[in-house]
Amino acid sequence: MTQWLGYLGAVGLIMVGAGLNAPAEPAEPAPEPVVVAAPVAPPTPAMDPSAAQNNAPSGG
Protein backbone atom coordinates (compact mmCIF):
# COMPACT_ATOMS: atom_id res chain seq x y z
CA MET A 1 0.00 0.00 0.00
CA THR A 2 2.78 2.42 0.87
CA GLN A 3 4.51 1.58 -2.41
CA TRP A 4 1.34 2.47 -4.32
CA LEU A 5 1.06 5.78 -2.49
CA GLY A 6 4.69 6.57 -3.23
CA TYR A 7 4.25 5.63 -6.88
CA LEU A 8 1.13 7.74 -7.25
CA GLY A 9 2.83 10.64 -5.46
CA ALA A 10 5.82 10.46 -7.81
CA VAL A 11 3.56 10.37 -10.86
CA GLY A 12 1.60 13.33 -9.51
CA LEU A 13 4.78 15.34 -8.95
CA ILE A 14 6.01 14.50 -12.45
CA MET A 15 2.69 15.59 -13.96
CA VAL A 16 2.63 18.81 -11.94
CA GLY A 17 6.23 19.51 -12.91
CA ALA A 18 5.45 18.92 -16.57
CA GLY A 19 2.49 21.28 -16.26
CA LEU A 20 4.65 24.00 -14.69
CA ASN A 21 7.33 23.54 -17.33
CA ALA A 22 4.85 23.59 -20.19
CA PRO A 23 5.36 26.42 -22.70
CA ALA A 24 3.11 29.43 -22.19
CA GLU A 25 1.72 29.24 -25.72
CA PRO A 26 -2.07 29.16 -25.83
CA ALA A 27 -3.44 25.72 -26.55
CA GLU A 28 -5.17 25.21 -29.87
CA PRO A 29 -8.91 25.71 -29.52
CA ALA A 30 -10.83 22.47 -29.43
CA PRO A 31 -12.96 21.84 -32.52
CA GLU A 32 -16.65 22.46 -32.08
CA PRO A 33 -18.35 19.26 -30.94
CA VAL A 34 -20.69 17.87 -33.57
CA VAL A 35 -23.98 17.05 -31.91
CA VAL A 36 -25.80 14.29 -33.74
CA ALA A 37 -29.41 13.85 -32.71
CA ALA A 38 -29.91 10.24 -31.76
CA PRO A 39 -32.98 8.63 -33.29
CA VAL A 40 -35.74 8.38 -30.73
CA ALA A 41 -36.65 4.75 -30.18
CA PRO A 42 -40.36 3.96 -29.94
CA PRO A 43 -41.55 3.20 -26.42
CA THR A 44 -40.98 -0.44 -25.63
CA PRO A 45 -44.07 -2.37 -24.58
CA ALA A 46 -44.22 -3.78 -21.07
CA MET A 47 -42.33 -7.06 -20.76
CA ASP A 48 -44.69 -9.97 -21.22
CA PRO A 49 -43.70 -12.98 -19.12
CA SER A 50 -44.89 -15.37 -21.82
CA ALA A 51 -42.75 -13.55 -24.39
CA ALA A 52 -39.77 -13.82 -22.07
CA GLN A 53 -40.38 -17.54 -21.75
CA ASN A 54 -40.68 -17.93 -25.52
CA ASN A 55 -37.43 -16.05 -26.12
CA ALA A 56 -35.50 -18.03 -23.52
CA PRO A 57 -33.25 -20.77 -24.94
CA SER A 58 -34.61 -24.22 -24.43
CA GLY A 59 -32.60 -26.28 -21.97
CA GLY A 60 -33.01 -29.47 -23.95
PDB file of N, CA and C in Angstrom:
ATOM      1  N   MET A   1       0.836  -1.204   0.000  1.00  0.00           N
ATOM      2  CA  MET A   1       0.000   0.000   0.000  1.00  0.00           C
ATOM      3  C   MET A   1       0.868   1.250   0.000  1.00  0.00           C
ATOM      4  N   THR A   2       1.898   1.245   0.830  1.00  0.00           N
ATOM      5  CA  THR A   2       2.776   2.416   0.873  1.00  0.00           C
ATOM      6  C   THR A   2       3.492   2.589  -0.460  1.00  0.00           C
ATOM      7  N   GLN A   3       3.839   1.468  -1.110  1.00  0.00           N
ATOM      8  CA  GLN A   3       4.506   1.582  -2.411  1.00  0.00           C
ATOM      9  C   GLN A   3       3.577   2.234  -3.425  1.00  0.00           C
ATOM     10  N   TRP A   4       2.286   1.861  -3.382  1.00  0.00           N
ATOM     11  CA  TRP A   4       1.343   2.472  -4.318  1.00  0.00           C
ATOM     12  C   TRP A   4       1.246   3.968  -4.064  1.00  0.00           C
ATOM     13  N   LEU A   5       1.161   4.351  -2.786  1.00  0.00           N
ATOM     14  CA  LEU A   5       1.057   5.783  -2.492  1.00  0.00           C
ATOM     15  C   LEU A   5       2.305   6.511  -2.965  1.00  0.00           C
ATOM     16  N   GLY A   6       3.473   5.928  -2.759  1.00  0.00           N
ATOM     17  CA  GLY A   6       4.695   6.568  -3.229  1.00  0.00           C
ATOM     18  C   GLY A   6       4.722   6.676  -4.740  1.00  0.00           C
ATOM     19  N   TYR A   7       4.268   5.620  -5.415  1.00  0.00           N
ATOM     20  CA  TYR A   7       4.253   5.633  -6.878  1.00  0.00           C
ATOM     21  C   TYR A   7       3.308   6.708  -7.387  1.00  0.00           C
ATOM     22  N   LEU A   8       2.096   6.746  -6.801  1.00  0.00           N
ATOM     23  CA  LEU A   8       1.133   7.741  -7.250  1.00  0.00           C
ATOM     24  C   LEU A   8       1.637   9.149  -6.949  1.00  0.00           C
ATOM     25  N   GLY A   9       2.291   9.324  -5.790  1.00  0.00           N
ATOM     26  CA  GLY A   9       2.828  10.636  -5.465  1.00  0.00           C
ATOM     27  C   GLY A   9       3.895  11.066  -6.454  1.00  0.00           C
ATOM     28  N   ALA A  10       4.764  10.124  -6.841  1.00  0.00           N
ATOM     29  CA  ALA A  10       5.815  10.462  -7.808  1.00  0.00           C
ATOM     30  C   ALA A  10       5.203  10.820  -9.155  1.00  0.00           C
ATOM     31  N   VAL A  11       4.205  10.057  -9.571  1.00  0.00           N
ATOM     32  CA  VAL A  11       3.555  10.366 -10.856  1.00  0.00           C
ATOM     33  C   VAL A  11       2.882  11.732 -10.786  1.00  0.00           C
ATOM     34  N   GLY A  12       2.245  12.024  -9.647  1.00  0.00           N
ATOM     35  CA  GLY A  12       1.597  13.330  -9.506  1.00  0.00           C
ATOM     36  C   GLY A  12       2.606  14.461  -9.574  1.00  0.00           C
ATOM     37  N   LEU A  13       3.759  14.281  -8.911  1.00  0.00           N
ATOM     38  CA  LEU A  13       4.777  15.336  -8.947  1.00  0.00           C
ATOM     39  C   LEU A  13       5.308  15.510 -10.364  1.00  0.00           C
ATOM     40  N   ILE A  14       5.494  14.395 -11.069  1.00  0.00           N
ATOM     41  CA  ILE A  14       6.006  14.499 -12.450  1.00  0.00           C
ATOM     42  C   ILE A  14       4.994  15.249 -13.311  1.00  0.00           C
ATOM     43  N   MET A  15       3.701  14.916 -13.138  1.00  0.00           N
ATOM     44  CA  MET A  15       2.688  15.586 -13.960  1.00  0.00           C
ATOM     45  C   MET A  15       2.610  17.070 -13.615  1.00  0.00           C
ATOM     46  N   VAL A  16       2.682  17.395 -12.332  1.00  0.00           N
ATOM     47  CA  VAL A  16       2.635  18.814 -11.942  1.00  0.00           C
ATOM     48  C   VAL A  16       3.865  19.533 -12.477  1.00  0.00           C
ATOM     49  N   GLY A  17       5.022  18.890 -12.389  1.00  0.00           N
ATOM     50  CA  GLY A  17       6.234  19.511 -12.909  1.00  0.00           C
ATOM     51  C   GLY A  17       6.142  19.730 -14.411  1.00  0.00           C
ATOM     52  N   ALA A  18       5.596  18.752 -15.123  1.00  0.00           N
ATOM     53  CA  ALA A  18       5.446  18.918 -16.568  1.00  0.00           C
ATOM     54  C   ALA A  18       4.478  20.058 -16.866  1.00  0.00           C
ATOM     55  N   GLY A  19       3.448  20.191 -16.042  1.00  0.00           N
ATOM     56  CA  GLY A  19       2.493  21.275 -16.259  1.00  0.00           C
ATOM     57  C   GLY A  19       3.138  22.629 -16.010  1.00  0.00           C
ATOM     58  N   LEU A  20       3.995  22.725 -14.971  1.00  0.00           N
ATOM     59  CA  LEU A  20       4.648  24.004 -14.686  1.00  0.00           C
ATOM     60  C   LEU A  20       5.676  24.338 -15.761  1.00  0.00           C
ATOM     61  N   ASN A  21       6.298  23.303 -16.324  1.00  0.00           N
ATOM     62  CA  ASN A  21       7.333  23.540 -17.330  1.00  0.00           C
ATOM     63  C   ASN A  21       6.759  23.654 -18.734  1.00  0.00           C
ATOM     64  N   ALA A  22       5.442  23.531 -18.866  1.00  0.00           N
ATOM     65  CA  ALA A  22       4.845  23.586 -20.195  1.00  0.00           C
ATOM     66  C   ALA A  22       5.041  24.977 -20.776  1.00  0.00           C
ATOM     67  N   PRO A  23       5.211  25.094 -22.073  1.00  0.00           N
ATOM     68  CA  PRO A  23       5.355  26.419 -22.696  1.00  0.00           C
ATOM     69  C   PRO A  23       4.090  27.242 -22.488  1.00  0.00           C
ATOM     70  N   ALA A  24       4.247  28.542 -22.472  1.00  0.00           N
ATOM     71  CA  ALA A  24       3.113  29.426 -22.191  1.00  0.00           C
ATOM     72  C   ALA A  24       2.274  29.703 -23.425  1.00  0.00           C
ATOM     73  N   GLU A  25       2.514  28.987 -24.521  1.00  0.00           N
ATOM     74  CA  GLU A  25       1.723  29.237 -25.721  1.00  0.00           C
ATOM     75  C   GLU A  25       0.271  28.827 -25.460  1.00  0.00           C
ATOM     76  N   PRO A  26      -0.667  29.563 -26.006  1.00  0.00           N
ATOM     77  CA  PRO A  26      -2.070  29.165 -25.829  1.00  0.00           C
ATOM     78  C   PRO A  26      -2.349  27.864 -26.564  1.00  0.00           C
ATOM     79  N   ALA A  27      -3.107  27.004 -25.921  1.00  0.00           N
ATOM     80  CA  ALA A  27      -3.439  25.725 -26.553  1.00  0.00           C
ATOM     81  C   ALA A  27      -4.356  25.972 -27.743  1.00  0.00           C
ATOM     82  N   GLU A  28      -4.295  25.070 -28.706  1.00  0.00           N
ATOM     83  CA  GLU A  28      -5.166  25.211 -29.867  1.00  0.00           C
ATOM     84  C   GLU A  28      -6.609  25.045 -29.420  1.00  0.00           C
ATOM     85  N   PRO A  29      -7.512  25.863 -29.936  1.00  0.00           N
ATOM     86  CA  PRO A  29      -8.912  25.715 -29.521  1.00  0.00           C
ATOM     87  C   PRO A  29      -9.467  24.363 -29.959  1.00  0.00           C
ATOM     88  N   ALA A  30     -10.248  23.774 -29.093  1.00  0.00           N
ATOM     89  CA  ALA A  30     -10.831  22.473 -29.429  1.00  0.00           C
ATOM     90  C   ALA A  30     -11.861  22.662 -30.533  1.00  0.00           C
ATOM     91  N   PRO A  31     -11.946  21.713 -31.457  1.00  0.00           N
ATOM     92  CA  PRO A  31     -12.964  21.840 -32.518  1.00  0.00           C
ATOM     93  C   PRO A  31     -14.353  21.788 -31.915  1.00  0.00           C
ATOM     94  N   GLU A  32     -15.278  22.443 -32.586  1.00  0.00           N
ATOM     95  CA  GLU A  32     -16.651  22.455 -32.080  1.00  0.00           C
ATOM     96  C   GLU A  32     -17.204  21.041 -32.072  1.00  0.00           C
ATOM     97  N   PRO A  33     -17.793  20.620 -30.978  1.00  0.00           N
ATOM     98  CA  PRO A  33     -18.354  19.256 -30.945  1.00  0.00           C
ATOM     99  C   PRO A  33     -19.551  19.155 -31.873  1.00  0.00           C
ATOM    100  N   VAL A  34     -19.578  18.085 -32.635  1.00  0.00           N
ATOM    101  CA  VAL A  34     -20.688  17.867 -33.567  1.00  0.00           C
ATOM    102  C   VAL A  34     -21.754  17.069 -32.823  1.00  0.00           C
ATOM    103  N   VAL A  35     -22.892  17.700 -32.636  1.00  0.00           N
ATOM    104  CA  VAL A  35     -23.976  17.047 -31.907  1.00  0.00           C
ATOM    105  C   VAL A  35     -24.878  16.363 -32.918  1.00  0.00           C
ATOM    106  N   VAL A  36     -24.936  15.052 -32.837  1.00  0.00           N
ATOM    107  CA  VAL A  36     -25.799  14.288 -33.740  1.00  0.00           C
ATOM    108  C   VAL A  36     -27.019  13.846 -32.942  1.00  0.00           C
ATOM    109  N   ALA A  37     -28.182  14.223 -33.417  1.00  0.00           N
ATOM    110  CA  ALA A  37     -29.405  13.854 -32.710  1.00  0.00           C
ATOM    111  C   ALA A  37     -29.624  12.354 -32.854  1.00  0.00           C
ATOM    112  N   ALA A  38     -29.696  11.689 -31.727  1.00  0.00           N
ATOM    113  CA  ALA A  38     -29.909  10.238 -31.755  1.00  0.00           C
ATOM    114  C   ALA A  38     -31.360   9.961 -32.124  1.00  0.00           C
ATOM    115  N   PRO A  39     -31.584   8.955 -32.942  1.00  0.00           N
ATOM    116  CA  PRO A  39     -32.983   8.630 -33.287  1.00  0.00           C
ATOM    117  C   PRO A  39     -33.739   8.198 -32.042  1.00  0.00           C
ATOM    118  N   VAL A  40     -34.942   8.706 -31.911  1.00  0.00           N
ATOM    119  CA  VAL A  40     -35.743   8.382 -30.729  1.00  0.00           C
ATOM    120  C   VAL A  40     -36.388   7.021 -30.946  1.00  0.00           C
ATOM    121  N   ALA A  41     -36.076   6.094 -30.052  1.00  0.00           N
ATOM    122  CA  ALA A  41     -36.647   4.746 -30.181  1.00  0.00           C
ATOM    123  C   ALA A  41     -38.102   4.775 -29.735  1.00  0.00           C
ATOM    124  N   PRO A  42     -38.956   4.005 -30.376  1.00  0.00           N
ATOM    125  CA  PRO A  42     -40.360   3.960 -29.939  1.00  0.00           C
ATOM    126  C   PRO A  42     -40.445   3.373 -28.535  1.00  0.00           C
ATOM    127  N   PRO A  43     -41.444   3.753 -27.781  1.00  0.00           N
ATOM    128  CA  PRO A  43     -41.546   3.203 -26.416  1.00  0.00           C
ATOM    129  C   PRO A  43     -41.703   1.695 -26.459  1.00  0.00           C
ATOM    130  N   THR A  44     -40.930   1.028 -25.636  1.00  0.00           N
ATOM    131  CA  THR A  44     -40.984  -0.435 -25.629  1.00  0.00           C
ATOM    132  C   THR A  44     -42.197  -0.891 -24.840  1.00  0.00           C
ATOM    133  N   PRO A  45     -42.910  -1.885 -25.322  1.00  0.00           N
ATOM    134  CA  PRO A  45     -44.073  -2.374 -24.577  1.00  0.00           C
ATOM    135  C   PRO A  45     -43.626  -3.034 -23.282  1.00  0.00           C
ATOM    136  N   ALA A  46     -44.541  -3.146 -22.350  1.00  0.00           N
ATOM    137  CA  ALA A  46     -44.225  -3.781 -21.074  1.00  0.00           C
ATOM    138  C   ALA A  46     -43.807  -5.228 -21.326  1.00  0.00           C
ATOM    139  N   MET A  47     -42.836  -5.706 -20.549  1.00  0.00           N
ATOM    140  CA  MET A  47     -42.327  -7.055 -20.757  1.00  0.00           C
ATOM    141  C   MET A  47     -43.421  -8.067 -20.443  1.00  0.00           C
ATOM    142  N   ASP A  48     -43.691  -8.929 -21.401  1.00  0.00           N
ATOM    143  CA  ASP A  48     -44.693  -9.970 -21.222  1.00  0.00           C
ATOM    144  C   ASP A  48     -43.989 -11.223 -20.730  1.00  0.00           C
ATOM    145  N   PRO A  49     -44.409 -11.783 -19.609  1.00  0.00           N
ATOM    146  CA  PRO A  49     -43.704 -12.980 -19.118  1.00  0.00           C
ATOM    147  C   PRO A  49     -43.753 -14.127 -20.116  1.00  0.00           C
ATOM    148  N   SER A  50     -44.834 -14.271 -20.860  1.00  0.00           N
ATOM    149  CA  SER A  50     -44.894 -15.366 -21.825  1.00  0.00           C
ATOM    150  C   SER A  50     -43.898 -15.111 -22.950  1.00  0.00           C
ATOM    151  N   ALA A  51     -43.712 -13.851 -23.348  1.00  0.00           N
ATOM    152  CA  ALA A  51     -42.746 -13.548 -24.394  1.00  0.00           C
ATOM    153  C   ALA A  51     -41.342 -13.844 -23.881  1.00  0.00           C
ATOM    154  N   ALA A  52     -41.090 -13.539 -22.615  1.00  0.00           N
ATOM    155  CA  ALA A  52     -39.767 -13.818 -22.066  1.00  0.00           C
ATOM    156  C   ALA A  52     -39.531 -15.319 -22.055  1.00  0.00           C
ATOM    157  N   GLN A  53     -40.547 -16.088 -21.760  1.00  0.00           N
ATOM    158  CA  GLN A  53     -40.377 -17.542 -21.754  1.00  0.00           C
ATOM    159  C   GLN A  53     -40.134 -18.042 -23.171  1.00  0.00           C
ATOM    160  N   ASN A  54     -40.835 -17.459 -24.153  1.00  0.00           N
ATOM    161  CA  ASN A  54     -40.679 -17.929 -25.524  1.00  0.00           C
ATOM    162  C   ASN A  54     -39.311 -17.577 -26.076  1.00  0.00           C
ATOM    163  N   ASN A  55     -38.721 -16.461 -25.604  1.00  0.00           N
ATOM    164  CA  ASN A  55     -37.426 -16.046 -26.115  1.00  0.00           C
ATOM    165  C   ASN A  55     -36.283 -16.750 -25.399  1.00  0.00           C
ATOM    166  N   ALA A  56     -36.571 -17.392 -24.274  1.00  0.00           N
ATOM    167  CA  ALA A  56     -35.498 -18.032 -23.525  1.00  0.00           C
ATOM    168  C   ALA A  56     -35.034 -19.269 -24.282  1.00  0.00           C
ATOM    169  N   PRO A  57     -33.731 -19.553 -24.266  1.00  0.00           N
ATOM    170  CA  PRO A  57     -33.251 -20.766 -24.943  1.00  0.00           C
ATOM    171  C   PRO A  57     -33.765 -22.006 -24.230  1.00  0.00           C
ATOM    172  N   SER A  58     -34.088 -22.995 -25.021  1.00  0.00           N
ATOM    173  CA  SER A  58     -34.610 -24.223 -24.428  1.00  0.00           C
ATOM    174  C   SER A  58     -33.459 -25.020 -23.836  1.00  0.00           C
ATOM    175  N   GLY A  59     -33.660 -25.523 -22.626  1.00  0.00           N
ATOM    176  CA  GLY A  59     -32.605 -26.281 -21.972  1.00  0.00           C
ATOM    177  C   GLY A  59     -32.719 -27.752 -22.291  1.00  0.00           C
ATOM    178  N   GLY A  60     -32.770 -28.077 -23.578  1.00  0.00           N
ATOM    179  CA  GLY A  60     -33.012 -29.466 -23.947  1.00  0.00           C
ATOM    180  C   GLY A  60     -31.746 -30.218 -24.016  1.00  0.00           C
TER     181      GLY A  60
END
